[in-house]
Amino acid sequence: MFLHQMQVGRMAVFAYIVGDQASGEGLVIDPAGEVNRLVKTATDNEITVKYIVNTHGHVDHMTGNAEMKAKTGAQIVVHKDDAELVMFMPAPIFRMHGAEKSPHPDVVVNDGDEIKVGEISLLVIHTPGHTLGGMSLYTEGYVFTGDTLFVESVGSTAFPGGSWPTLRHSIMERLFTLPDDTVVLPGHNYGRMPSSTIGHEKMYNPFLK
């Protein structure tokens, strides 16, 4: 599996390229900017971007959607409970971030669905609390947690659709049931290191004691 983490955009967002090198199929998670660099990295590693996956419907994670889709033809994938958030996010908000409004989602997923590129499968884990349709993506050894779980921190619940009890439940009952050695790949570079593990977060995350 090809896996590349890249900090992009104005808000220290982590975008990820995931690819199956045997088939050449891949996807990009949360392309928040610097689309040319993301596309070049994929191309240099012989990965064709098939999907653009947004872990949730906040603009800072979608600012590269339109450009990425235009350059690759990839389909935009979101959880069903954030589909309207993506579709009806006002264009002026995107312009404030120097971006074109995101196209509507092409694929809407639910908890338990799988997003496949080649022989790689990402399991959709619905992890609301930051937004109604926040989702994490799990493949053996790794979980992409968006703005649900950060390194030794958690996502904000101050936005519409946010709820601390819901977010805590998502982390404790959905993410913390994964193997302790699962690498946590967060949606922002807000921690003292770019990634963590489930076991580390159980032990050291002060918000989850």
C-alpha atoms as a PDB file:
ATOM      1  CA  MET A   1       0.000   0.000   0.000  1.00  0.00           C
ATOM      2  CA  PHE A   2       1.194   3.475  -0.884  1.00  0.00           C
ATOM      3  CA  LEU A   3       0.381   5.950   1.903  1.00  0.00           C
ATOM      4  CA  HIS A   4       1.466   9.568   1.953  1.00  0.00           C
ATOM      5  CA  GLN A   5       0.563  12.241   4.517  1.00  0.00           C
ATOM      6  CA  MET A   6       0.826  15.874   3.398  1.00  0.00           C
ATOM      7  CA  GLN A   7       0.046  19.093   5.280  1.00  0.00           C
ATOM      8  CA  VAL A   8      -1.864  21.407   2.944  1.00  0.00           C
ATOM      9  CA  GLY A   9      -3.937  24.577   2.934  1.00  0.00           C
ATOM     10  CA  ARG A  10      -4.236  27.376   5.437  1.00  0.00           C
ATOM     11  CA  MET A  11      -5.330  25.454   8.515  1.00  0.00           C
ATOM     12  CA  ALA A  12      -2.682  22.734   8.873  1.00  0.00           C
ATOM     13  CA  VAL A  13      -4.969  20.131   7.321  1.00  0.00           C
ATOM     14  CA  PHE A  14      -3.484  16.725   6.686  1.00  0.00           C
ATOM     15  CA  ALA A  15      -4.380  15.335   3.269  1.00  0.00           C
ATOM     16  CA  TYR A  16      -3.635  11.698   2.515  1.00  0.00           C
ATOM     17  CA  ILE A  17      -2.941   9.772  -0.666  1.00  0.00           C
ATOM     18  CA  VAL A  18      -3.738   6.081  -0.433  1.00  0.00           C
ATOM     19  CA  GLY A  19      -2.963   3.826  -3.350  1.00  0.00           C
ATOM     20  CA  ASP A  20      -2.832   0.197  -4.419  1.00  0.00           C
ATOM     21  CA  GLN A  21       0.442  -0.021  -6.299  1.00  0.00           C
ATOM     22  CA  ALA A  22      -0.447  -3.276  -8.041  1.00  0.00           C
ATOM     23  CA  SER A  23      -3.522  -1.822  -9.772  1.00  0.00           C
ATOM     24  CA  GLY A  24      -2.458   1.827  -9.747  1.00  0.00           C
ATOM     25  CA  GLU A  25      -5.796   2.886  -8.240  1.00  0.00           C
ATOM     26  CA  GLY A  26      -5.874   5.375  -5.396  1.00  0.00           C
ATOM     27  CA  LEU A  27      -7.767   8.029  -3.519  1.00  0.00           C
ATOM     28  CA  VAL A  28      -7.136  11.328  -1.776  1.00  0.00           C
ATOM     29  CA  ILE A  29      -8.563  12.066   1.658  1.00  0.00           C
ATOM     30  CA  ASP A  30      -9.389  15.720   2.468  1.00  0.00           C
ATOM     31  CA  PRO A  31      -7.595  17.618  -0.335  1.00  0.00           C
ATOM     32  CA  ALA A  32      -7.589  20.990   1.399  1.00  0.00           C
ATOM     33  CA  GLY A  33      -5.206  22.731  -0.989  1.00  0.00           C
ATOM     34  CA  GLU A  34      -1.959  22.417  -2.934  1.00  0.00           C
ATOM     35  CA  VAL A  35      -3.730  20.176  -5.382  1.00  0.00           C
ATOM     36  CA  ASN A  36      -0.912  20.272  -7.921  1.00  0.00           C
ATOM     37  CA  ARG A  37       1.485  18.866  -5.318  1.00  0.00           C
ATOM     38  CA  LEU A  38      -0.992  16.147  -4.361  1.00  0.00           C
ATOM     39  CA  VAL A  39      -1.579  15.193  -7.988  1.00  0.00           C
ATOM     40  CA  LYS A  40       2.154  15.201  -8.749  1.00  0.00           C
ATOM     41  CA  THR A  41       2.858  12.944  -5.772  1.00  0.00           C
ATOM     42  CA  ALA A  42       0.190  10.516  -6.930  1.00  0.00           C
ATOM     43  CA  THR A  43       1.420  10.613 -10.526  1.00  0.00           C
ATOM     44  CA  ASP A  44       5.070  10.211  -9.533  1.00  0.00           C
ATOM     45  CA  ASN A  45       4.081   7.048  -7.682  1.00  0.00           C
ATOM     46  CA  GLU A  46       1.956   5.754 -10.579  1.00  0.00           C
ATOM     47  CA  ILE A  47      -1.295   6.229  -8.674  1.00  0.00           C
ATOM     48  CA  THR A  48      -4.472   7.276 -10.504  1.00  0.00           C
ATOM     49  CA  VAL A  49      -6.842   9.129  -8.176  1.00  0.00           C
ATOM     50  CA  LYS A  50     -10.234   7.431  -8.363  1.00  0.00           C
ATOM     51  CA  TYR A  51     -11.924   9.004  -5.330  1.00  0.00           C
ATOM     52  CA  ILE A  52     -11.815  12.226  -3.324  1.00  0.00           C
ATOM     53  CA  VAL A  53     -12.954  11.313   0.175  1.00  0.00           C
ATOM     54  CA  ASN A  54     -14.031  14.021   2.625  1.00  0.00           C
ATOM     55  CA  THR A  55     -14.018  12.876   6.245  1.00  0.00           C
ATOM     56  CA  HIS A  56     -16.650  15.527   6.940  1.00  0.00           C
ATOM     57  CA  GLY A  57     -18.316  18.515   5.343  1.00  0.00           C
ATOM     58  CA  HIS A  58     -16.359  21.471   6.727  1.00  0.00           C
ATOM     59  CA  VAL A  59     -14.939  23.846   4.159  1.00  0.00           C
ATOM     60  CA  ASP A  60     -11.342  23.625   5.362  1.00  0.00           C
ATOM     61  CA  HIS A  61     -11.270  19.968   4.284  1.00  0.00           C
ATOM     62  CA  MET A  62     -12.966  20.553   0.912  1.00  0.00           C
ATOM     63  CA  THR A  63     -11.132  23.544  -0.546  1.00  0.00           C
ATOM     64  CA  GLY A  64      -9.325  21.374  -3.093  1.00  0.00           C
ATOM     65  CA  ASN A  65     -12.343  19.298  -4.128  1.00  0.00           C
ATOM     66  CA  ALA A  66     -13.212  21.235  -7.277  1.00  0.00           C
ATOM     67  CA  GLU A  67      -9.651  21.499  -8.570  1.00  0.00           C
ATOM     68  CA  MET A  68      -8.847  17.880  -7.724  1.00  0.00           C
ATOM     69  CA  LYS A  69     -11.972  16.658  -9.510  1.00  0.00           C
ATOM     70  CA  ALA A  70     -11.189  18.817 -12.543  1.00  0.00           C
ATOM     71  CA  LYS A  71      -7.630  17.496 -12.762  1.00  0.00           C
ATOM     72  CA  THR A  72      -8.342  13.816 -12.085  1.00  0.00           C
ATOM     73  CA  GLY A  73     -12.010  13.152 -12.811  1.00  0.00           C
ATOM     74  CA  ALA A  74     -12.243  11.490  -9.387  1.00  0.00           C
ATOM     75  CA  GLN A  75     -15.575  10.978  -7.653  1.00  0.00           C
ATOM     76  CA  ILE A  76     -16.292  12.869  -4.424  1.00  0.00           C
ATOM     77  CA  VAL A  77     -17.292  10.634  -1.502  1.00  0.00           C
ATOM     78  CA  VAL A  78     -18.956  11.786   1.743  1.00  0.00           C
ATOM     79  CA  HIS A  79     -21.058  10.265   4.512  1.00  0.00           C
ATOM     80  CA  LYS A  80     -24.782  10.591   3.901  1.00  0.00           C
ATOM     81  CA  ASP A  81     -25.319  12.760   6.988  1.00  0.00           C
ATOM     82  CA  ASP A  82     -22.903  15.428   5.689  1.00  0.00           C
ATOM     83  CA  ALA A  83     -23.986  15.302   2.040  1.00  0.00           C
ATOM     84  CA  GLU A  84     -26.252  18.350   2.375  1.00  0.00           C
ATOM     85  CA  LEU A  85     -23.499  20.236   4.202  1.00  0.00           C
ATOM     86  CA  VAL A  86     -21.254  19.704   1.182  1.00  0.00           C
ATOM     87  CA  MET A  87     -23.954  20.481  -1.369  1.00  0.00           C
ATOM     88  CA  PHE A  88     -25.224  23.679   0.215  1.00  0.00           C
ATOM     89  CA  MET A  89     -22.044  25.195   1.633  1.00  0.00           C
ATOM     90  CA  PRO A  90     -22.217  28.767   0.226  1.00  0.00           C
ATOM     91  CA  ALA A  91     -19.735  29.665  -2.490  1.00  0.00           C
ATOM     92  CA  PRO A  92     -18.589  32.844  -0.629  1.00  0.00           C
ATOM     93  CA  ILE A  93     -17.263  30.657   2.198  1.00  0.00           C
ATOM     94  CA  PHE A  94     -15.109  28.786  -0.307  1.00  0.00           C
ATOM     95  CA  ARG A  95     -13.948  32.099  -1.796  1.00  0.00           C
ATOM     96  CA  MET A  96     -12.862  33.225   1.670  1.00  0.00           C
ATOM     97  CA  HIS A  97     -10.523  30.229   1.584  1.00  0.00           C
ATOM     98  CA  GLY A  98      -9.340  31.078  -1.925  1.00  0.00           C
ATOM     99  CA  ALA A  99     -11.149  28.129  -3.468  1.00  0.00           C
ATOM    100  CA  GLU A 100     -13.931  27.223  -5.860  1.00  0.00           C
ATOM    101  CA  LYS A 101     -17.137  25.771  -4.410  1.00  0.00           C
ATOM    102  CA  SER A 102     -17.059  21.993  -4.109  1.00  0.00           C
ATOM    103  CA  PRO A 103     -19.060  20.011  -6.640  1.00  0.00           C
ATOM    104  CA  HIS A 104     -21.854  17.884  -5.225  1.00  0.00           C
ATOM    105  CA  PRO A 105     -20.903  14.448  -3.906  1.00  0.00           C
ATOM    106  CA  ASP A 106     -20.868  11.623  -6.432  1.00  0.00           C
ATOM    107  CA  VAL A 107     -20.962   8.824  -3.855  1.00  0.00           C
ATOM    108  CA  VAL A 108     -22.731   8.854  -0.488  1.00  0.00           C
ATOM    109  CA  VAL A 109     -21.674   6.226   2.040  1.00  0.00           C
ATOM    110  CA  ASN A 110     -23.011   4.810   5.296  1.00  0.00           C
ATOM    111  CA  ASP A 111     -21.472   3.206   8.355  1.00  0.00           C
ATOM    112  CA  GLY A 112     -20.031  -0.162   7.432  1.00  0.00           C
ATOM    113  CA  ASP A 113     -19.590   0.595   3.730  1.00  0.00           C
ATOM    114  CA  GLU A 114     -16.229  -0.001   2.080  1.00  0.00           C
ATOM    115  CA  ILE A 115     -14.350   2.328  -0.266  1.00  0.00           C
ATOM    116  CA  LYS A 116     -12.131   0.208  -2.512  1.00  0.00           C
ATOM    117  CA  VAL A 117      -9.136   1.031  -4.660  1.00  0.00           C
ATOM    118  CA  GLY A 118      -7.561  -2.050  -6.157  1.00  0.00           C
ATOM    119  CA  GLU A 119      -7.102  -4.579  -3.368  1.00  0.00           C
ATOM    120  CA  ILE A 120      -7.238  -1.922  -0.640  1.00  0.00           C
ATOM    121  CA  SER A 121     -10.490  -1.455   1.254  1.00  0.00           C
ATOM    122  CA  LEU A 122     -11.254   1.394   3.636  1.00  0.00           C
ATOM    123  CA  LEU A 123     -14.057   0.638   6.086  1.00  0.00           C
ATOM    124  CA  VAL A 124     -16.372   3.573   6.808  1.00  0.00           C
ATOM    125  CA  ILE A 125     -16.822   4.083  10.555  1.00  0.00           C
ATOM    126  CA  HIS A 126     -19.457   6.723  11.315  1.00  0.00           C
ATOM    127  CA  THR A 127     -17.928   8.942  14.012  1.00  0.00           C
ATOM    128  CA  PRO A 128     -20.280  11.911  14.513  1.00  0.00           C
ATOM    129  CA  GLY A 129     -19.796  14.581  17.136  1.00  0.00           C
ATOM    130  CA  HIS A 130     -17.733  17.136  15.223  1.00  0.00           C
ATOM    131  CA  THR A 131     -20.347  17.061  12.463  1.00  0.00           C
ATOM    132  CA  LEU A 132     -23.387  14.855  12.004  1.00  0.00           C
ATOM    133  CA  GLY A 133     -21.725  12.923   9.208  1.00  0.00           C
ATOM    134  CA  GLY A 134     -18.148  12.786  10.392  1.00  0.00           C
ATOM    135  CA  MET A 135     -16.503   9.514   9.462  1.00  0.00           C
ATOM    136  CA  SER A 136     -13.260   7.692  10.058  1.00  0.00           C
ATOM    137  CA  LEU A 137     -11.715   5.269   7.579  1.00  0.00           C
ATOM    138  CA  TYR A 138     -10.086   2.037   8.705  1.00  0.00           C
ATOM    139  CA  THR A 139      -7.806  -0.370   6.932  1.00  0.00           C
ATOM    140  CA  GLU A 140      -5.714  -2.907   8.775  1.00  0.00           C
ATOM    141  CA  GLY A 141      -3.077  -1.051  10.757  1.00  0.00           C
ATOM    142  CA  TYR A 142      -4.361   2.461  10.080  1.00  0.00           C
ATOM    143  CA  VAL A 143      -7.341   4.690  10.834  1.00  0.00           C
ATOM    144  CA  PHE A 144      -7.923   8.104   9.257  1.00  0.00           C
ATOM    145  CA  THR A 145      -9.811  10.023  11.936  1.00  0.00           C
ATOM    146  CA  GLY A 146     -10.577  13.390  10.319  1.00  0.00           C
ATOM    147  CA  ASP A 147     -11.562  15.904  12.986  1.00  0.00           C
ATOM    148  CA  THR A 148     -12.880  13.275  15.394  1.00  0.00           C
ATOM    149  CA  LEU A 149      -9.590  12.356  17.055  1.00  0.00           C
ATOM    150  CA  PHE A 150      -6.315  14.270  16.960  1.00  0.00           C
ATOM    151  CA  VAL A 151      -2.943  13.466  18.488  1.00  0.00           C
ATOM    152  CA  GLU A 152      -3.609  13.873  22.216  1.00  0.00           C
ATOM    153  CA  SER A 153      -6.673  16.000  21.453  1.00  0.00           C
ATOM    154  CA  VAL A 154     -10.158  15.834  19.937  1.00  0.00           C
ATOM    155  CA  GLY A 155     -12.233  17.770  17.439  1.00  0.00           C
ATOM    156  CA  SER A 156     -14.302  20.791  18.361  1.00  0.00           C
ATOM    157  CA  THR A 157     -17.986  20.333  19.159  1.00  0.00           C
ATOM    158  CA  ALA A 158     -18.778  24.052  18.893  1.00  0.00           C
ATOM    159  CA  PHE A 159     -20.079  23.929  15.311  1.00  0.00           C
ATOM    160  CA  PRO A 160     -23.648  23.166  14.236  1.00  0.00           C
ATOM    161  CA  GLY A 161     -24.166  19.425  14.539  1.00  0.00           C
ATOM    162  CA  GLY A 162     -21.449  19.148  17.157  1.00  0.00           C
ATOM    163  CA  SER A 163     -21.986  17.297  20.432  1.00  0.00           C
ATOM    164  CA  TRP A 164     -19.440  16.353  23.088  1.00  0.00           C
ATOM    165  CA  PRO A 165     -21.347  13.279  24.347  1.00  0.00           C
ATOM    166  CA  THR A 166     -21.686  12.086  20.747  1.00  0.00           C
ATOM    167  CA  LEU A 167     -18.033  12.731  19.940  1.00  0.00           C
ATOM    168  CA  ARG A 168     -16.870  10.977  23.084  1.00  0.00           C
ATOM    169  CA  HIS A 169     -19.063   7.982  22.267  1.00  0.00           C
ATOM    170  CA  SER A 170     -17.648   7.880  18.725  1.00  0.00           C
ATOM    171  CA  ILE A 171     -14.108   7.772  20.063  1.00  0.00           C
ATOM    172  CA  MET A 172     -14.630   5.463  23.022  1.00  0.00           C
ATOM    173  CA  GLU A 173     -17.018   2.991  21.386  1.00  0.00           C
ATOM    174  CA  ARG A 174     -15.948   3.064  17.742  1.00  0.00           C
ATOM    175  CA  LEU A 175     -12.273   4.062  17.562  1.00  0.00           C
ATOM    176  CA  PHE A 176     -10.959   2.789  20.885  1.00  0.00           C
ATOM    177  CA  THR A 177     -12.255  -0.680  20.039  1.00  0.00           C
ATOM    178  CA  LEU A 178      -9.675  -0.919  17.238  1.00  0.00           C
ATOM    179  CA  PRO A 179      -6.363  -2.695  17.961  1.00  0.00           C
ATOM    180  CA  ASP A 180      -4.040  -0.632  20.152  1.00  0.00           C
ATOM    181  CA  ASP A 181      -1.283  -0.637  17.532  1.00  0.00           C
ATOM    182  CA  THR A 182      -3.556   0.940  14.897  1.00  0.00           C
ATOM    183  CA  VAL A 183      -1.883   4.119  13.617  1.00  0.00           C
ATOM    184  CA  VAL A 184      -4.061   7.218  14.089  1.00  0.00           C
ATOM    185  CA  LEU A 185      -3.821   9.562  11.099  1.00  0.00           C
ATOM    186  CA  PRO A 186      -5.616  12.800  12.076  1.00  0.00           C
ATOM    187  CA  GLY A 187      -7.213  15.541  10.011  1.00  0.00           C
ATOM    188  CA  HIS A 188      -4.958  18.352  11.255  1.00  0.00           C
ATOM    189  CA  ASN A 189      -1.359  18.779  12.286  1.00  0.00           C
ATOM    190  CA  TYR A 190      -2.325  20.016  15.748  1.00  0.00           C
ATOM    191  CA  GLY A 191      -0.294  17.630  17.893  1.00  0.00           C
ATOM    192  CA  ARG A 192       3.318  17.314  18.932  1.00  0.00           C
ATOM    193  CA  MET A 193       3.745  14.577  16.322  1.00  0.00           C
ATOM    194  CA  PRO A 194       1.996  13.932  12.997  1.00  0.00           C
ATOM    195  CA  SER A 195       0.464  10.583  13.961  1.00  0.00           C
ATOM    196  CA  SER A 196      -0.216   8.433  16.982  1.00  0.00           C
ATOM    197  CA  THR A 197      -1.736   5.062  17.845  1.00  0.00           C
ATOM    198  CA  ILE A 198      -4.999   4.019  19.424  1.00  0.00           C
ATOM    199  CA  GLY A 199      -3.056   2.696  22.418  1.00  0.00           C
ATOM    200  CA  HIS A 200      -1.231   5.998  22.833  1.00  0.00           C
ATOM    201  CA  GLU A 201      -4.470   7.977  22.742  1.00  0.00           C
ATOM    202  CA  LYS A 202      -6.086   5.701  25.319  1.00  0.00           C
ATOM    203  CA  MET A 203      -3.184   6.365  27.650  1.00  0.00           C
ATOM    204  CA  TYR A 204      -2.278   9.990  27.009  1.00  0.00           C
ATOM    205  CA  ASN A 205      -5.245  11.879  25.526  1.00  0.00           C
ATOM    206  CA  PRO A 206      -6.316  14.230  28.350  1.00  0.00           C
ATOM    207  CA  PHE A 207      -9.818  14.745  26.916  1.00  0.00           C
ATOM    208  CA  LEU A 208     -10.647  11.057  27.233  1.00  0.00           C
ATOM    209  CA  LYS A 209      -9.791  10.321  30.854  1.00  0.00           C
END
